[in-house]
C-alpha atoms as a PDB file:
ATOM      1  CA  MET A   1     -11.736  83.997-113.072  1.00  0.00           C
ATOM      2  CA  THR A   2     -14.644  86.368-112.476  1.00  0.00           C
ATOM      3  CA  ARG A   3     -14.756  89.496-110.323  1.00  0.00           C
ATOM      4  CA  THR A   4     -17.394  92.165-109.779  1.00  0.00           C
ATOM      5  CA  ALA A   5     -16.568  95.781-109.013  1.00  0.00           C
ATOM      6  CA  ARG A   6     -18.835  98.589-107.879  1.00  0.00           C
ATOM      7  CA  ALA A   7     -18.069 102.229-108.648  1.00  0.00           C
ATOM      8  CA  TYR A   8     -20.085 105.250-107.625  1.00  0.00           C
ATOM      9  CA  THR A   9     -20.741 108.259-109.774  1.00  0.00           C
ATOM     10  CA  ASN A  10     -19.308 111.654-108.914  1.00  0.00           C
ATOM     11  CA  ILE A  11     -20.473 115.217-109.285  1.00  0.00           C
ATOM     12  CA  ALA A  12     -17.875 117.706-110.477  1.00  0.00           C
ATOM     13  CA  LEU A  13     -17.904 120.781-108.267  1.00  0.00           C
ATOM     14  CA  ILE A  14     -15.190 122.310-110.428  1.00  0.00           C
ATOM     15  CA  LYS A  15     -16.079 121.126-113.911  1.00  0.00           C
ATOM     16  CA  TYR A  16     -14.178 119.282-116.607  1.00  0.00           C
ATOM     17  CA  TRP A  17     -15.193 120.864-119.920  1.00  0.00           C
ATOM     18  CA  GLY A  18     -12.909 120.423-122.890  1.00  0.00           C
ATOM     19  CA  LYS A  19     -10.293 117.925-124.081  1.00  0.00           C
ATOM     20  CA  LYS A  20      -6.845 118.871-125.347  1.00  0.00           C
ATOM     21  CA  ASN A  21      -6.287 115.258-126.453  1.00  0.00           C
ATOM     22  CA  LYS A  22      -9.385 113.333-127.565  1.00  0.00           C
ATOM     23  CA  GLN A  23      -7.738 109.929-127.826  1.00  0.00           C
ATOM     24  CA  LEU A  24      -6.258 109.997-124.316  1.00  0.00           C
ATOM     25  CA  LYS A  25      -9.102 112.128-122.921  1.00  0.00           C
ATOM     26  CA  LEU A  26      -6.706 114.684-121.484  1.00  0.00           C
ATOM     27  CA  PRO A  27      -8.532 117.774-120.217  1.00  0.00           C
ATOM     28  CA  TYR A  28      -7.471 121.385-120.595  1.00  0.00           C
ATOM     29  CA  THR A  29      -7.905 121.924-116.852  1.00  0.00           C
ATOM     30  CA  ASN A  30      -7.895 120.107-113.550  1.00  0.00           C
ATOM     31  CA  SER A  31     -11.290 119.362-112.034  1.00  0.00           C
ATOM     32  CA  LEU A  32     -12.583 118.542-108.554  1.00  0.00           C
ATOM     33  CA  SER A  33     -15.475 116.268-107.670  1.00  0.00           C
ATOM     34  CA  LEU A  34     -17.468 114.699-104.872  1.00  0.00           C
ATOM     35  CA  THR A  35     -18.196 110.969-105.072  1.00  0.00           C
ATOM     36  CA  LEU A  36     -21.844 110.197-104.242  1.00  0.00           C
ATOM     37  CA  ASP A  37     -23.349 107.186-102.474  1.00  0.00           C
ATOM     38  CA  ARG A  38     -26.653 107.069-104.365  1.00  0.00           C
ATOM     39  CA  PHE A  39     -25.780 106.260-107.978  1.00  0.00           C
ATOM     40  CA  TYR A  40     -23.490 103.389-108.954  1.00  0.00           C
ATOM     41  CA  THR A  41     -22.567 100.718-111.493  1.00  0.00           C
ATOM     42  CA  ASP A  42     -21.884  97.049-110.760  1.00  0.00           C
ATOM     43  CA  THR A  43     -19.742  95.379-113.420  1.00  0.00           C
ATOM     44  CA  THR A  44     -18.632  91.762-113.697  1.00  0.00           C
ATOM     45  CA  ALA A  45     -15.764  90.750-116.003  1.00  0.00           C
ATOM     46  CA  THR A  46     -15.340  87.101-116.979  1.00  0.00           C
ATOM     47  CA  ILE A  47     -12.592  85.757-119.238  1.00  0.00           C
ATOM     48  CA  ILE A  48     -14.149  83.734-122.068  1.00  0.00           C
ATOM     49  CA  ASN A  49     -12.704  81.350-124.661  1.00  0.00           C
ATOM     50  CA  GLU A  50     -13.811  83.444-127.639  1.00  0.00           C
ATOM     51  CA  ASP A  51     -12.185  85.726-130.221  1.00  0.00           C
ATOM     52  CA  HIS A  52     -14.542  88.611-129.403  1.00  0.00           C
ATOM     53  CA  ASP A  53     -15.993  90.355-126.363  1.00  0.00           C
ATOM     54  CA  VAL A  54     -19.608  90.026-125.236  1.00  0.00           C
ATOM     55  CA  VAL A  55     -21.242  92.889-123.344  1.00  0.00           C
ATOM     56  CA  TYR A  56     -24.515  92.961-121.415  1.00  0.00           C
ATOM     57  CA  LEU A  57     -25.879  96.245-120.072  1.00  0.00           C
ATOM     58  CA  ASN A  58     -28.760  95.958-117.622  1.00  0.00           C
ATOM     59  CA  GLU A  59     -29.165  92.300-118.725  1.00  0.00           C
ATOM     60  CA  GLN A  60     -29.537  93.262-122.395  1.00  0.00           C
ATOM     61  CA  LEU A  61     -26.987  91.990-124.936  1.00  0.00           C
ATOM     62  CA  LEU A  62     -25.502  94.922-126.827  1.00  0.00           C
ATOM     63  CA  ASN A  63     -24.910  94.647-130.555  1.00  0.00           C
ATOM     64  CA  ASP A  64     -21.680  95.912-132.118  1.00  0.00           C
ATOM     65  CA  SER A  65     -23.063  99.365-132.961  1.00  0.00           C
ATOM     66  CA  GLN A  66     -24.386  99.879-129.415  1.00  0.00           C
ATOM     67  CA  ASN A  67     -21.184  98.455-128.043  1.00  0.00           C
ATOM     68  CA  LYS A  68     -18.528 100.310-130.042  1.00  0.00           C
ATOM     69  CA  ARG A  69     -17.206 102.506-127.226  1.00  0.00           C
ATOM     70  CA  ILE A  70     -16.801  99.583-124.819  1.00  0.00           C
ATOM     71  CA  LEU A  71     -15.252  97.296-127.447  1.00  0.00           C
ATOM     72  CA  ASN A  72     -12.724  99.975-128.370  1.00  0.00           C
ATOM     73  CA  TYR A  73     -11.928 100.416-124.688  1.00  0.00           C
ATOM     74  CA  LEU A  74     -11.352  96.688-124.190  1.00  0.00           C
ATOM     75  CA  ASP A  75      -8.986  96.735-127.177  1.00  0.00           C
ATOM     76  CA  THR A  76      -7.122  99.606-125.503  1.00  0.00           C
ATOM     77  CA  VAL A  77      -6.797  97.646-122.253  1.00  0.00           C
ATOM     78  CA  ARG A  78      -5.445  94.609-124.116  1.00  0.00           C
ATOM     79  CA  LYS A  79      -2.895  96.821-125.868  1.00  0.00           C
ATOM     80  CA  PHE A  80      -1.803  98.513-122.623  1.00  0.00           C
ATOM     81  CA  TYR A  81      -1.205  95.259-120.754  1.00  0.00           C
ATOM     82  CA  SER A  82      -0.214  92.934-123.622  1.00  0.00           C
ATOM     83  CA  PHE A  83      -2.752  90.174-123.254  1.00  0.00           C
ATOM     84  CA  LYS A  84      -5.199  88.638-125.734  1.00  0.00           C
ATOM     85  CA  ASP A  85      -8.026  87.425-123.497  1.00  0.00           C
ATOM     86  CA  HIS A  86     -11.583  88.432-124.321  1.00  0.00           C
ATOM     87  CA  PHE A  87     -14.331  89.090-121.799  1.00  0.00           C
ATOM     88  CA  GLN A  88     -17.967  88.756-121.079  1.00  0.00           C
ATOM     89  CA  ILE A  89     -18.962  91.995-119.393  1.00  0.00           C
ATOM     90  CA  ASN A  90     -22.153  92.172-117.347  1.00  0.00           C
ATOM     91  CA  SER A  91     -22.900  95.718-116.207  1.00  0.00           C
ATOM     92  CA  ILE A  92     -25.860  96.884-114.149  1.00  0.00           C
ATOM     93  CA  ASN A  93     -26.164 100.651-114.190  1.00  0.00           C
ATOM     94  CA  HIS A  94     -28.020 102.336-111.332  1.00  0.00           C
ATOM     95  CA  VAL A  95     -27.571 105.790-112.857  1.00  0.00           C
ATOM     96  CA  PRO A  96     -29.920 107.617-115.253  1.00  0.00           C
ATOM     97  CA  THR A  97     -27.969 107.335-118.525  1.00  0.00           C
ATOM     98  CA  SER A  98     -27.071 110.399-120.641  1.00  0.00           C
ATOM     99  CA  ALA A  99     -29.025 112.873-118.560  1.00  0.00           C
ATOM    100  CA  GLY A 100     -26.224 114.759-116.820  1.00  0.00           C
ATOM    101  CA  PHE A 101     -25.538 112.243-114.036  1.00  0.00           C
ATOM    102  CA  ALA A 102     -22.136 111.043-115.307  1.00  0.00           C
ATOM    103  CA  SER A 103     -23.176 107.428-115.839  1.00  0.00           C
ATOM    104  CA  SER A 104     -19.983 106.886-117.851  1.00  0.00           C
ATOM    105  CA  ALA A 105     -17.925 107.817-114.768  1.00  0.00           C
ATOM    106  CA  SER A 106     -19.198 104.958-112.628  1.00  0.00           C
ATOM    107  CA  GLY A 107     -19.480 102.693-115.691  1.00  0.00           C
ATOM    108  CA  PHE A 108     -15.878 102.856-116.842  1.00  0.00           C
ATOM    109  CA  ALA A 109     -14.470 103.019-113.319  1.00  0.00           C
ATOM    110  CA  ALA A 110     -16.294  99.785-112.465  1.00  0.00           C
ATOM    111  CA  LEU A 111     -15.203  98.192-115.765  1.00  0.00           C
ATOM    112  CA  ALA A 112     -11.547  99.109-115.234  1.00  0.00           C
ATOM    113  CA  ALA A 113     -11.634  97.781-111.669  1.00  0.00           C
ATOM    114  CA  ALA A 114     -13.369  94.533-112.679  1.00  0.00           C
ATOM    115  CA  ILE A 115     -10.778  93.850-115.393  1.00  0.00           C
ATOM    116  CA  ASN A 116      -7.944  94.712-113.011  1.00  0.00           C
ATOM    117  CA  GLU A 117      -9.179  92.086-110.554  1.00  0.00           C
ATOM    118  CA  THR A 118     -10.158  89.451-113.124  1.00  0.00           C
ATOM    119  CA  LYS A 119      -6.788  89.671-114.909  1.00  0.00           C
ATOM    120  CA  GLN A 120      -4.917  90.193-111.618  1.00  0.00           C
ATOM    121  CA  LEU A 121      -3.094  93.206-113.024  1.00  0.00           C
ATOM    122  CA  ASN A 122      -2.392  94.442-109.469  1.00  0.00           C
ATOM    123  CA  LEU A 123      -2.745  98.081-110.460  1.00  0.00           C
ATOM    124  CA  THR A 124      -2.311 100.817-107.898  1.00  0.00           C
ATOM    125  CA  ARG A 125      -5.270 103.164-107.515  1.00  0.00           C
ATOM    126  CA  ARG A 126      -3.379 105.799-109.491  1.00  0.00           C
ATOM    127  CA  GLU A 127      -2.822 103.319-112.324  1.00  0.00           C
ATOM    128  CA  LEU A 128      -6.477 102.296-112.084  1.00  0.00           C
ATOM    129  CA  SER A 129      -7.483 105.953-112.371  1.00  0.00           C
ATOM    130  CA  ILE A 130      -5.418 106.242-115.565  1.00  0.00           C
ATOM    131  CA  LEU A 131      -7.024 103.103-116.965  1.00  0.00           C
ATOM    132  CA  ALA A 132     -10.535 104.343-116.141  1.00  0.00           C
ATOM    133  CA  ARG A 133      -9.779 107.744-117.712  1.00  0.00           C
ATOM    134  CA  ASN A 134      -9.107 106.043-121.035  1.00  0.00           C
ATOM    135  CA  GLY A 135     -12.759 104.995-121.043  1.00  0.00           C
ATOM    136  CA  SER A 136     -14.265 108.221-119.726  1.00  0.00           C
ATOM    137  CA  GLY A 137     -12.454 111.252-118.359  1.00  0.00           C
ATOM    138  CA  SER A 138     -14.686 111.642-115.309  1.00  0.00           C
ATOM    139  CA  ALA A 139     -14.259 107.924-114.516  1.00  0.00           C
ATOM    140  CA  SER A 140     -10.740 108.719-113.314  1.00  0.00           C
ATOM    141  CA  ARG A 141     -12.318 110.418-110.282  1.00  0.00           C
ATOM    142  CA  SER A 142     -14.733 107.589-109.375  1.00  0.00           C
ATOM    143  CA  ILE A 143     -11.841 105.378-108.263  1.00  0.00           C
ATOM    144  CA  TYR A 144     -11.813 107.355-105.009  1.00  0.00           C
ATOM    145  CA  GLY A 145     -14.422 108.390-102.466  1.00  0.00           C
ATOM    146  CA  GLY A 146     -15.136 111.834-101.049  1.00  0.00           C
ATOM    147  CA  PHE A 147     -13.478 114.889-102.583  1.00  0.00           C
ATOM    148  CA  VAL A 148     -11.219 114.072-105.533  1.00  0.00           C
ATOM    149  CA  GLU A 149      -9.072 116.158-107.892  1.00  0.00           C
ATOM    150  CA  TRP A 150      -8.274 115.063-111.432  1.00  0.00           C
ATOM    151  CA  GLU A 151      -4.897 116.426-112.485  1.00  0.00           C
ATOM    152  CA  ALA A 152      -4.999 117.296-116.184  1.00  0.00           C
ATOM    153  CA  GLY A 153      -1.481 116.125-116.956  1.00  0.00           C
ATOM    154  CA  THR A 154       0.289 116.202-120.314  1.00  0.00           C
ATOM    155  CA  ASP A 155       0.316 112.526-121.332  1.00  0.00           C
ATOM    156  CA  ASN A 156      -1.221 109.184-120.417  1.00  0.00           C
ATOM    157  CA  GLU A 157       0.975 108.666-117.364  1.00  0.00           C
ATOM    158  CA  SER A 158       0.516 112.123-115.835  1.00  0.00           C
ATOM    159  CA  SER A 159      -3.271 112.508-116.110  1.00  0.00           C
ATOM    160  CA  PHE A 160      -4.942 110.868-113.107  1.00  0.00           C
ATOM    161  CA  ALA A 161      -7.125 111.613-110.115  1.00  0.00           C
ATOM    162  CA  VAL A 162      -5.901 111.983-106.544  1.00  0.00           C
ATOM    163  CA  PRO A 163      -7.933 111.954-103.325  1.00  0.00           C
ATOM    164  CA  ILE A 164      -8.304 115.248-101.473  1.00  0.00           C
ATOM    165  CA  ASP A 165     -10.341 113.905 -98.540  1.00  0.00           C
ATOM    166  CA  GLU A 166     -11.928 110.464 -98.971  1.00  0.00           C
ATOM    167  CA  HIS A 167     -13.787 110.474 -95.657  1.00  0.00           C
ATOM    168  CA  PRO A 168     -14.618 114.125 -94.984  1.00  0.00           C
ATOM    169  CA  GLU A 169     -16.353 114.881 -91.710  1.00  0.00           C
ATOM    170  CA  ILE A 170     -18.519 117.586 -93.198  1.00  0.00           C
ATOM    171  CA  ASP A 171     -22.244 118.333 -93.016  1.00  0.00           C
ATOM    172  CA  LEU A 172     -22.929 118.200 -96.739  1.00  0.00           C
ATOM    173  CA  SER A 173     -25.744 116.503 -98.632  1.00  0.00           C
ATOM    174  CA  LEU A 174     -26.804 116.676-102.250  1.00  0.00           C
ATOM    175  CA  LEU A 175     -30.381 116.799-103.498  1.00  0.00           C
ATOM    176  CA  SER A 176     -30.582 115.634-107.104  1.00  0.00           C
ATOM    177  CA  VAL A 177     -33.590 117.050-108.931  1.00  0.00           C
ATOM    178  CA  VAL A 178     -34.373 114.860-111.930  1.00  0.00           C
ATOM    179  CA  ILE A 179     -36.177 116.892-114.571  1.00  0.00           C
ATOM    180  CA  ASN A 180     -35.598 114.629-117.537  1.00  0.00           C
ATOM    181  CA  LYS A 181     -34.138 111.101-117.777  1.00  0.00           C
ATOM    182  CA  SER A 182     -34.030 111.121-121.581  1.00  0.00           C
ATOM    183  CA  THR A 183     -30.838 110.880-123.603  1.00  0.00           C
ATOM    184  CA  LYS A 184     -29.267 114.275-124.241  1.00  0.00           C
ATOM    185  CA  LYS A 185     -29.673 115.733-127.728  1.00  0.00           C
ATOM    186  CA  ILE A 186     -26.093 117.023-127.596  1.00  0.00           C
ATOM    187  CA  SER A 187     -23.570 114.660-126.012  1.00  0.00           C
ATOM    188  CA  SER A 188     -21.018 115.948-123.528  1.00  0.00           C
ATOM    189  CA  THR A 189     -18.232 115.207-126.014  1.00  0.00           C
ATOM    190  CA  THR A 190     -19.889 117.228-128.777  1.00  0.00           C
ATOM    191  CA  GLY A 191     -20.776 120.005-126.361  1.00  0.00           C
ATOM    192  CA  MET A 192     -17.187 120.265-125.168  1.00  0.00           C
ATOM    193  CA  GLU A 193     -15.819 120.365-128.712  1.00  0.00           C
ATOM    194  CA  ASN A 194     -18.231 123.122-129.736  1.00  0.00           C
ATOM    195  CA  SER A 195     -17.430 125.184-126.648  1.00  0.00           C
ATOM    196  CA  VAL A 196     -13.653 124.880-127.033  1.00  0.00           C
ATOM    197  CA  LYS A 197     -13.758 125.736-130.739  1.00  0.00           C
ATOM    198  CA  SER A 198     -16.161 128.654-130.706  1.00  0.00           C
ATOM    199  CA  SER A 199     -16.774 130.220-127.298  1.00  0.00           C
ATOM    200  CA  PRO A 200     -14.837 133.499-127.049  1.00  0.00           C
ATOM    201  CA  PHE A 201     -14.650 132.957-123.294  1.00  0.00           C
ATOM    202  CA  TYR A 202     -12.908 129.577-123.247  1.00  0.00           C
ATOM    203  CA  SER A 203      -9.473 130.981-122.341  1.00  0.00           C
ATOM    204  CA  ASN A 204     -11.098 132.813-119.423  1.00  0.00           C
ATOM    205  CA  TRP A 205     -12.631 129.514-118.326  1.00  0.00           C
ATOM    206  CA  VAL A 206      -9.195 127.884-118.112  1.00  0.00           C
ATOM    207  CA  THR A 207      -7.946 130.721-115.893  1.00  0.00           C
ATOM    208  CA  LEU A 208     -11.089 130.643-113.739  1.00  0.00           C
ATOM    209  CA  VAL A 209     -10.852 126.903-113.066  1.00  0.00           C
ATOM    210  CA  ALA A 210      -7.241 127.198-111.886  1.00  0.00           C
ATOM    211  CA  SER A 211      -8.196 129.782-109.256  1.00  0.00           C
ATOM    212  CA  GLU A 212     -11.446 128.126-108.170  1.00  0.00           C
ATOM    213  CA  ILE A 213      -9.731 124.752-107.666  1.00  0.00           C
ATOM    214  CA  GLU A 214      -7.478 126.343-105.045  1.00  0.00           C
ATOM    215  CA  GLU A 215     -10.351 128.248-103.439  1.00  0.00           C
ATOM    216  CA  ILE A 216     -12.578 125.191-103.076  1.00  0.00           C
ATOM    217  CA  LYS A 217      -9.749 123.078-101.634  1.00  0.00           C
ATOM    218  CA  GLN A 218      -9.338 125.699 -98.912  1.00  0.00           C
ATOM    219  CA  ALA A 219     -13.097 125.616 -98.271  1.00  0.00           C
ATOM    220  CA  ILE A 220     -13.013 121.796 -98.041  1.00  0.00           C
ATOM    221  CA  ALA A 221     -10.152 121.938 -95.532  1.00  0.00           C
ATOM    222  CA  GLN A 222     -12.154 124.465 -93.483  1.00  0.00           C
ATOM    223  CA  LYS A 223     -15.365 122.379 -93.821  1.00  0.00           C
ATOM    224  CA  ASP A 224     -17.113 125.500 -95.089  1.00  0.00           C
ATOM    225  CA  VAL A 225     -20.205 124.165 -96.884  1.00  0.00           C
ATOM    226  CA  GLN A 226     -21.444 127.641 -97.786  1.00  0.00           C
ATOM    227  CA  LYS A 227     -18.170 128.524 -99.500  1.00  0.00           C
ATOM    228  CA  ILE A 228     -18.078 125.151-101.261  1.00  0.00           C
ATOM    229  CA  GLY A 229     -21.594 125.874-102.515  1.00  0.00           C
ATOM    230  CA  GLU A 230     -20.784 129.408-103.671  1.00  0.00           C
ATOM    231  CA  ILE A 231     -17.723 128.315-105.655  1.00  0.00           C
ATOM    232  CA  SER A 232     -19.474 125.262-107.122  1.00  0.00           C
ATOM    233  CA  GLU A 233     -22.485 127.278-108.279  1.00  0.00           C
ATOM    234  CA  HIS A 234     -20.340 129.957-109.886  1.00  0.00           C
ATOM    235  CA  ASN A 235     -18.235 127.351-111.657  1.00  0.00           C
ATOM    236  CA  ALA A 236     -21.304 125.535-112.989  1.00  0.00           C
ATOM    237  CA  MET A 237     -22.869 128.729-114.324  1.00  0.00           C
ATOM    238  CA  SER A 238     -19.559 129.670-115.924  1.00  0.00           C
ATOM    239  CA  MET A 239     -19.406 126.300-117.681  1.00  0.00           C
ATOM    240  CA  HIS A 240     -22.925 126.666-119.048  1.00  0.00           C
ATOM    241  CA  ALA A 241     -22.051 130.182-120.196  1.00  0.00           C
ATOM    242  CA  LEU A 242     -19.598 128.495-122.571  1.00  0.00           C
ATOM    243  CA  THR A 243     -22.451 126.579-124.213  1.00  0.00           C
ATOM    244  CA  LEU A 244     -24.548 129.721-124.542  1.00  0.00           C
ATOM    245  CA  SER A 245     -21.639 131.659-126.054  1.00  0.00           C
ATOM    246  CA  ALA A 246     -20.652 128.892-128.510  1.00  0.00           C
ATOM    247  CA  ASP A 247     -21.399 129.241-132.222  1.00  0.00           C
ATOM    248  CA  PRO A 248     -23.959 127.907-132.793  1.00  0.00           C
ATOM    249  CA  SER A 249     -25.258 128.562-129.299  1.00  0.00           C
ATOM    250  CA  PHE A 250     -26.794 125.665-127.364  1.00  0.00           C
ATOM    251  CA  THR A 251     -27.879 124.831-123.851  1.00  0.00           C
ATOM    252  CA  TYR A 252     -28.643 121.791-121.719  1.00  0.00           C
ATOM    253  CA  PHE A 253     -31.110 123.786-119.622  1.00  0.00           C
ATOM    254  CA  GLU A 254     -34.838 123.220-119.769  1.00  0.00           C
ATOM    255  CA  PRO A 255     -37.468 125.649-118.405  1.00  0.00           C
ATOM    256  CA  GLU A 256     -37.567 123.727-115.109  1.00  0.00           C
ATOM    257  CA  THR A 257     -33.782 124.087-114.784  1.00  0.00           C
ATOM    258  CA  ILE A 258     -34.122 127.878-114.801  1.00  0.00           C
ATOM    259  CA  GLN A 259     -37.073 127.687-112.408  1.00  0.00           C
ATOM    260  CA  ILE A 260     -35.074 125.624-109.905  1.00  0.00           C
ATOM    261  CA  ILE A 261     -32.095 127.995-110.091  1.00  0.00           C
ATOM    262  CA  GLN A 262     -34.445 130.872-109.269  1.00  0.00           C
ATOM    263  CA  LEU A 263     -36.029 128.920-106.405  1.00  0.00           C
ATOM    264  CA  ILE A 264     -32.571 128.251-104.943  1.00  0.00           C
ATOM    265  CA  LYS A 265     -31.818 131.978-104.955  1.00  0.00           C
ATOM    266  CA  GLU A 266     -35.132 132.682-103.234  1.00  0.00           C
ATOM    267  CA  MET A 267     -34.366 130.031-100.596  1.00  0.00           C
ATOM    268  CA  ARG A 268     -31.030 131.662 -99.848  1.00  0.00           C
ATOM    269  CA  GLN A 269     -32.766 135.001 -99.352  1.00  0.00           C
ATOM    270  CA  LYS A 270     -34.809 133.233 -96.639  1.00  0.00           C
ATOM    271  CA  GLY A 271     -31.657 131.982 -94.932  1.00  0.00           C
ATOM    272  CA  ILE A 272     -31.795 128.405 -96.299  1.00  0.00           C
ATOM    273  CA  LEU A 273     -28.391 127.061 -97.369  1.00  0.00           C
ATOM    274  CA  ALA A 274     -28.742 125.824-100.958  1.00  0.00           C
ATOM    275  CA  TYR A 275     -26.500 126.084-104.027  1.00  0.00           C
ATOM    276  CA  ALA A 276     -26.874 124.656-107.526  1.00  0.00           C
ATOM    277  CA  THR A 277     -24.466 122.661-109.624  1.00  0.00           C
ATOM    278  CA  ILE A 278     -25.402 121.319-113.063  1.00  0.00           C
ATOM    279  CA  ASP A 279     -23.468 119.025-115.375  1.00  0.00           C
ATOM    280  CA  ALA A 280     -24.140 118.496-119.085  1.00  0.00           C
ATOM    281  CA  GLY A 281     -27.863 117.949-118.763  1.00  0.00           C
ATOM    282  CA  PRO A 282     -30.994 119.640-117.439  1.00  0.00           C
ATOM    283  CA  ASN A 283     -30.974 118.044-113.996  1.00  0.00           C
ATOM    284  CA  VAL A 284     -29.996 120.191-111.014  1.00  0.00           C
ATOM    285  CA  LYS A 285     -28.006 119.024-108.029  1.00  0.00           C
ATOM    286  CA  ILE A 286     -28.488 121.136-104.915  1.00  0.00           C
ATOM    287  CA  ILE A 287     -25.682 121.372-102.374  1.00  0.00           C
ATOM    288  CA  CYS A 288     -27.092 121.756 -98.876  1.00  0.00           C
ATOM    289  CA  THR A 289     -26.645 120.719 -95.250  1.00  0.00           C
ATOM    290  CA  LYS A 290     -28.630 118.050 -93.429  1.00  0.00           C
ATOM    291  CA  GLU A 291     -30.448 120.884 -91.636  1.00  0.00           C
ATOM    292  CA  SER A 292     -31.426 122.680 -94.833  1.00  0.00           C
ATOM    293  CA  LEU A 293     -32.168 119.524 -96.850  1.00  0.00           C
ATOM    294  CA  PRO A 294     -35.819 118.975 -95.725  1.00  0.00           C
ATOM    295  CA  LYS A 295     -36.658 122.637 -96.383  1.00  0.00           C
ATOM    296  CA  VAL A 296     -35.057 122.523 -99.828  1.00  0.00           C
ATOM    297  CA  GLN A 297     -36.822 119.281-100.726  1.00  0.00           C
ATOM    298  CA  THR A 298     -40.210 120.613 -99.573  1.00  0.00           C
ATOM    299  CA  CYS A 299     -39.794 123.820-101.569  1.00  0.00           C
ATOM    300  CA  ILE A 300     -38.909 121.940-104.751  1.00  0.00           C
ATOM    301  CA  LYS A 301     -41.835 119.524-104.409  1.00  0.00           C
ATOM    302  CA  GLN A 302     -44.282 122.348-103.741  1.00  0.00           C
ATOM    303  CA  GLN A 303     -43.216 124.319-106.800  1.00  0.00           C
ATOM    304  CA  LEU A 304     -42.460 121.483-109.268  1.00  0.00           C
ATOM    305  CA  SER A 305     -44.780 118.532-108.839  1.00  0.00           C
ATOM    306  CA  ASN A 306     -43.503 116.714-111.943  1.00  0.00           C
ATOM    307  CA  VAL A 307     -39.849 116.308-110.916  1.00  0.00           C
ATOM    308  CA  THR A 308     -38.218 113.529-108.912  1.00  0.00           C
ATOM    309  CA  THR A 309     -35.827 114.258-106.054  1.00  0.00           C
ATOM    310  CA  VAL A 310     -33.126 111.918-104.792  1.00  0.00           C
ATOM    311  CA  VAL A 311     -30.971 112.519-101.720  1.00  0.00           C
ATOM    312  CA  ALA A 312     -27.293 111.602-102.007  1.00  0.00           C
ATOM    313  CA  ASN A 313     -24.537 111.758 -99.462  1.00  0.00           C
ATOM    314  CA  ILE A 314     -20.772 111.371 -99.686  1.00  0.00           C
ATOM    315  CA  GLY A 315     -19.809 108.080-101.294  1.00  0.00           C
ATOM    316  CA  SER A 316     -16.817 105.754-101.228  1.00  0.00           C
ATOM    317  CA  GLY A 317     -14.326 104.618-103.816  1.00  0.00           C
ATOM    318  CA  ILE A 318     -14.132 101.340-105.730  1.00  0.00           C
ATOM    319  CA  GLN A 319     -15.568  98.314-103.958  1.00  0.00           C
ATOM    320  CA  TYR A 320     -15.346  94.614-104.846  1.00  0.00           C
ATOM    321  CA  ILE A 321     -18.411  92.438-104.441  1.00  0.00           C
END
């Protein structure tokens, strides 16, 4: 049997930064995200009569060294559900990889969903979120559309994402500003470990996230895009402060990242609604309304001719093709 699943990437408005359990990918804090409609992964899982798995990414066969993370994940799935079948995985990734766009979120969410359908595991969406989390923490959130909260939990069964509002009627768009599509020099996993171990402000971060989660959920319920933007921007800057205060200090920012942040502040002074959020990478995502979007896009293009901008709106959860 063969099934294909599509999962969309998500942008964390309240960030996930730091694991208390590496093996299970349990975070220190909850996080809250928005699923986007622009970036996605299509993954097909086919049961094969072999004693090993075969994985294609963007039509290229991966060797064992390239493939280690996925092979380990497939072993985990077999262990969880007590079967011995192996798979051919064909994954087409429509997300810039390793550049701060959470390609692993859509990738592992689509993989988990494809296996669930191919093996007819009949998992609930909560169980599917748990399964996806075992591949990538942020993948737990890409099971759902709209606004989603990932509950940190204390073990494998209690750490999963839940939908906050999958079909929000809210005037919110996201302008992704792609500065650099290259692979990050410091992976998210390494960056998290360094921040947790050495930033003197990490305990403050845990407290901050708990309060900002509640604040942003109130703003979502009130459909207050400005408040959502304010909280998201503050949370993102607080996360990147952890990288700057780590020992040794590091940053994902590039000069254009700083320039865009400054431009966003200048736009707000002119009455244009725009707020920045930035994951582990140099690329900036700008939260705006449909009214402010053209003005924001024009300003960015006028000031930074070498960047690419992509408009994204609110996306849906797992789909089967």
